[in-house]
């Protein structure tokens, strides 16, 4: 009977200790994510999602298609915009991979995206956004989320999923520029 009492006492002590730990050292991480049809979109705060939504103006044609979607939250709208752009990039490039799934990481600005690229790869660049083929992840500055920028990066996603093996970087760039130039057609 004393061993049951000791186990109960130890459990209660551990619970109290953990409770005080979380009170004294609260978790300030507000990172979150949501899913669209093609992407898992990761962000640190709601302002990033709102900023991207405000920066990402769709063409008239794509805007009409967006209205057909059931959108309740800003996350719904951003996810729908990303999905529409992926689908439009596929039409522009006439490339339709069987399955597209990727991660999209939002940053407040280009400097933060560049810092992340340096942290991951040790490369200093002046890109405002970039796609990592190795990670199948798009790193996007919410402040620079204009239609052509996002379309360019999403073209890299489509190309990477379409070609096996992946074409050279210069071919990727030419086709991504083409997709960005014709995204509003």
Protein backbone atom coordinates (compact mmCIF):
# COMPACT_ATOMS: atom_id res chain seq x y z
CA UNK A 1 0.00 0.00 0.00
CA UNK A 2 2.86 2.37 0.67
CA UNK A 3 4.26 1.81 -2.87
CA UNK A 4 0.91 2.92 -4.40
CA UNK A 5 0.99 6.00 -2.20
CA UNK A 6 4.58 6.74 -3.30
CA UNK A 7 3.64 6.40 -6.98
CA UNK A 8 0.68 8.73 -6.49
CA UNK A 9 2.84 11.24 -4.65
CA UNK A 10 5.54 11.15 -7.34
CA UNK A 11 2.98 11.61 -10.11
CA UNK A 12 1.42 14.56 -8.30
CA UNK A 13 4.84 16.12 -7.68
CA UNK A 14 5.79 15.70 -11.35
CA UNK A 15 2.49 17.27 -12.42
CA UNK A 16 3.01 20.28 -10.12
CA UNK A 17 6.60 20.67 -11.34
CA UNK A 18 5.50 20.62 -14.99
CA UNK A 19 2.70 23.06 -14.26
CA UNK A 20 5.10 25.56 -12.67
CA UNK A 21 7.57 25.07 -15.53
CA UNK A 22 4.93 26.03 -18.11
CA UNK A 23 3.78 28.99 -16.00
CA UNK A 24 7.33 30.30 -15.53
CA UNK A 25 8.49 29.55 -19.09
CA UNK A 26 5.49 29.93 -21.35
CA UNK A 27 5.82 28.79 -24.93
CA UNK A 28 5.85 31.84 -27.20
CA UNK A 29 5.99 29.93 -30.47
CA UNK A 30 2.99 30.87 -32.53
CA UNK A 31 3.95 28.90 -35.60
CA UNK A 32 1.03 27.37 -37.39
CA UNK A 33 0.14 25.72 -40.64
CA UNK A 34 -2.82 25.02 -42.86
CA UNK A 35 -3.44 22.80 -45.85
CA UNK A 36 -4.51 23.65 -49.34
CA UNK A 37 -5.05 21.07 -52.06
CA UNK A 38 -1.38 21.19 -53.06
CA UNK A 39 0.51 22.88 -50.22
CA UNK A 40 1.09 22.79 -46.52
CA UNK A 41 1.49 26.48 -45.71
CA UNK A 42 3.62 27.25 -42.65
CA UNK A 43 3.62 30.67 -40.99
CA UNK A 44 4.68 32.29 -37.74
CA UNK A 45 1.85 34.79 -37.31
CA UNK A 46 -1.47 35.74 -38.85
CA UNK A 47 -0.03 39.02 -40.18
CA UNK A 48 2.11 37.06 -42.63
CA UNK A 49 -0.93 35.32 -44.06
CA UNK A 50 -2.88 38.59 -44.28
CA UNK A 51 0.08 40.36 -45.91
CA UNK A 52 0.44 37.66 -48.56
CA UNK A 53 -3.29 37.74 -49.19
CA UNK A 54 -3.17 41.53 -49.67
CA UNK A 55 -0.12 41.39 -51.96
CA UNK A 56 -1.36 38.52 -54.13
CA UNK A 57 -3.78 40.21 -56.53
CA UNK A 58 -5.13 37.73 -59.05
CA UNK A 59 -5.84 38.51 -62.68
CA UNK A 60 -9.47 39.09 -63.63
CA UNK A 61 -9.81 35.53 -64.93
CA UNK A 62 -8.33 33.95 -61.81
CA UNK A 63 -10.32 36.32 -59.60
CA UNK A 64 -13.56 35.02 -61.12
CA UNK A 65 -12.46 31.46 -60.45
CA UNK A 66 -11.62 32.37 -56.84
CA UNK A 67 -15.20 33.56 -56.29
CA UNK A 68 -16.44 30.03 -57.02
CA UNK A 69 -14.63 28.72 -53.94
CA UNK A 70 -16.12 28.61 -50.46
CA UNK A 71 -13.86 30.90 -48.42
CA UNK A 72 -14.39 31.67 -44.77
CA UNK A 73 -10.99 32.63 -43.39
CA UNK A 74 -7.98 34.45 -44.78
CA UNK A 75 -6.18 31.08 -44.68
CA UNK A 76 -8.91 29.66 -46.94
CA UNK A 77 -8.39 32.51 -49.38
CA UNK A 78 -4.59 32.22 -49.45
CA UNK A 79 -4.82 28.44 -49.89
CA UNK A 80 -7.32 28.86 -52.74
CA UNK A 81 -5.09 31.46 -54.43
CA UNK A 82 -2.05 29.17 -54.24
CA UNK A 83 -4.10 26.26 -55.64
CA UNK A 84 -5.50 28.37 -58.49
CA UNK A 85 -2.01 29.56 -59.37
CA UNK A 86 -0.60 26.03 -59.37
CA UNK A 87 -3.40 24.97 -61.71
CA UNK A 88 -2.89 28.00 -63.97
CA UNK A 89 0.88 27.44 -64.12
CA UNK A 90 0.19 23.88 -65.25
CA UNK A 91 -2.07 25.21 -68.03
CA UNK A 92 0.49 27.82 -69.11
CA UNK A 93 3.31 25.26 -69.21
CA UNK A 94 1.06 22.47 -70.53
CA UNK A 95 2.53 20.22 -67.85
CA UNK A 96 0.24 18.27 -65.57
CA UNK A 97 2.09 16.18 -62.97
CA UNK A 98 0.13 13.30 -61.48
CA UNK A 99 0.47 14.56 -57.92
CA UNK A 100 1.74 17.85 -56.53
CA UNK A 101 2.41 18.29 -52.82
CA UNK A 102 4.89 20.74 -51.32
CA UNK A 103 5.60 22.90 -48.28
CA UNK A 104 5.33 26.68 -48.41
CA UNK A 105 7.06 28.66 -45.67
CA UNK A 106 6.00 32.30 -45.25
CA UNK A 107 8.38 35.01 -44.05
CA UNK A 108 7.67 38.66 -43.30
CA UNK A 109 10.14 39.91 -45.90
CA UNK A 110 12.91 38.90 -48.29
CA UNK A 111 15.66 39.41 -45.70
CA UNK A 112 14.11 36.73 -43.47
CA UNK A 113 13.79 34.32 -46.41
CA UNK A 114 17.44 35.00 -47.32
CA UNK A 115 18.49 34.38 -43.71
CA UNK A 116 16.72 31.03 -43.81
CA UNK A 117 18.44 30.11 -47.08
CA UNK A 118 21.80 30.98 -45.52
CA UNK A 119 20.97 28.99 -42.38
CA UNK A 120 20.00 25.93 -44.42
CA UNK A 121 22.54 26.05 -47.25
CA UNK A 122 25.25 28.54 -46.24
CA UNK A 123 24.55 30.67 -49.32
CA UNK A 124 24.16 34.44 -49.35
CA UNK A 125 21.77 35.53 -52.11
CA UNK A 126 19.50 38.41 -52.96
CA UNK A 127 16.46 36.28 -53.84
CA UNK A 128 13.14 37.55 -52.52
CA UNK A 129 11.79 34.00 -52.54
CA UNK A 130 13.13 30.62 -53.56
CA UNK A 131 12.19 27.00 -54.15
CA UNK A 132 14.31 24.25 -52.65
CA UNK A 133 14.30 21.21 -54.92
CA UNK A 134 15.95 19.09 -52.26
CA UNK A 135 13.28 19.88 -49.64
CA UNK A 136 10.36 20.33 -52.04
CA UNK A 137 9.70 23.58 -50.20
CA UNK A 138 8.94 27.11 -51.29
CA UNK A 139 10.28 29.95 -49.12
CA UNK A 140 8.19 33.03 -49.79
CA UNK A 141 8.39 36.62 -48.59
CA UNK A 142 4.83 37.72 -47.82
CA UNK A 143 5.81 41.33 -48.54
CA UNK A 144 6.91 40.31 -52.05
CA UNK A 145 3.94 38.07 -52.82
CA UNK A 146 3.00 39.64 -56.14
CA UNK A 147 1.31 37.47 -58.73
CA UNK A 148 4.32 37.09 -61.05
CA UNK A 149 6.73 36.34 -58.20
CA UNK A 150 4.50 33.63 -56.75
CA UNK A 151 3.76 32.22 -60.21
CA UNK A 152 7.50 32.05 -60.95
CA UNK A 153 8.19 30.08 -57.77
CA UNK A 154 5.18 27.82 -58.25
CA UNK A 155 6.42 27.05 -61.75
CA UNK A 156 9.52 25.56 -60.13
CA UNK A 157 7.22 23.34 -58.06
CA UNK A 158 5.33 22.17 -61.15
CA UNK A 159 8.55 21.54 -63.11
CA UNK A 160 10.10 19.57 -60.28
CA UNK A 161 7.03 17.36 -60.00
CA UNK A 162 6.66 16.92 -63.77
CA UNK A 163 10.18 15.98 -64.84
CA UNK A 164 12.04 12.91 -63.63
CA UNK A 165 14.93 13.61 -63.53
CA UNK A 166 14.63 17.34 -63.02
CA UNK A 167 15.93 19.59 -65.81
CA UNK A 168 18.98 21.81 -65.29
CA UNK A 169 18.61 25.01 -63.27
CA UNK A 170 18.79 27.25 -66.36
CA UNK A 171 15.91 25.35 -67.99
CA UNK A 172 13.94 25.68 -64.75
CA UNK A 173 14.54 29.44 -64.80
CA UNK A 174 13.52 29.95 -68.43
CA UNK A 175 10.29 27.99 -67.97
CA UNK A 176 9.52 29.69 -64.64
CA UNK A 177 9.99 33.11 -66.29
CA UNK A 178 7.71 32.04 -69.11
CA UNK A 179 5.01 30.92 -66.64
CA UNK A 180 5.29 34.19 -64.69
CA UNK A 181 5.01 36.21 -67.90
CA UNK A 182 1.86 34.40 -69.01
CA UNK A 183 0.10 33.74 -65.72
CA UNK A 184 -2.51 36.44 -66.35
CA UNK A 185 -3.31 35.37 -69.93
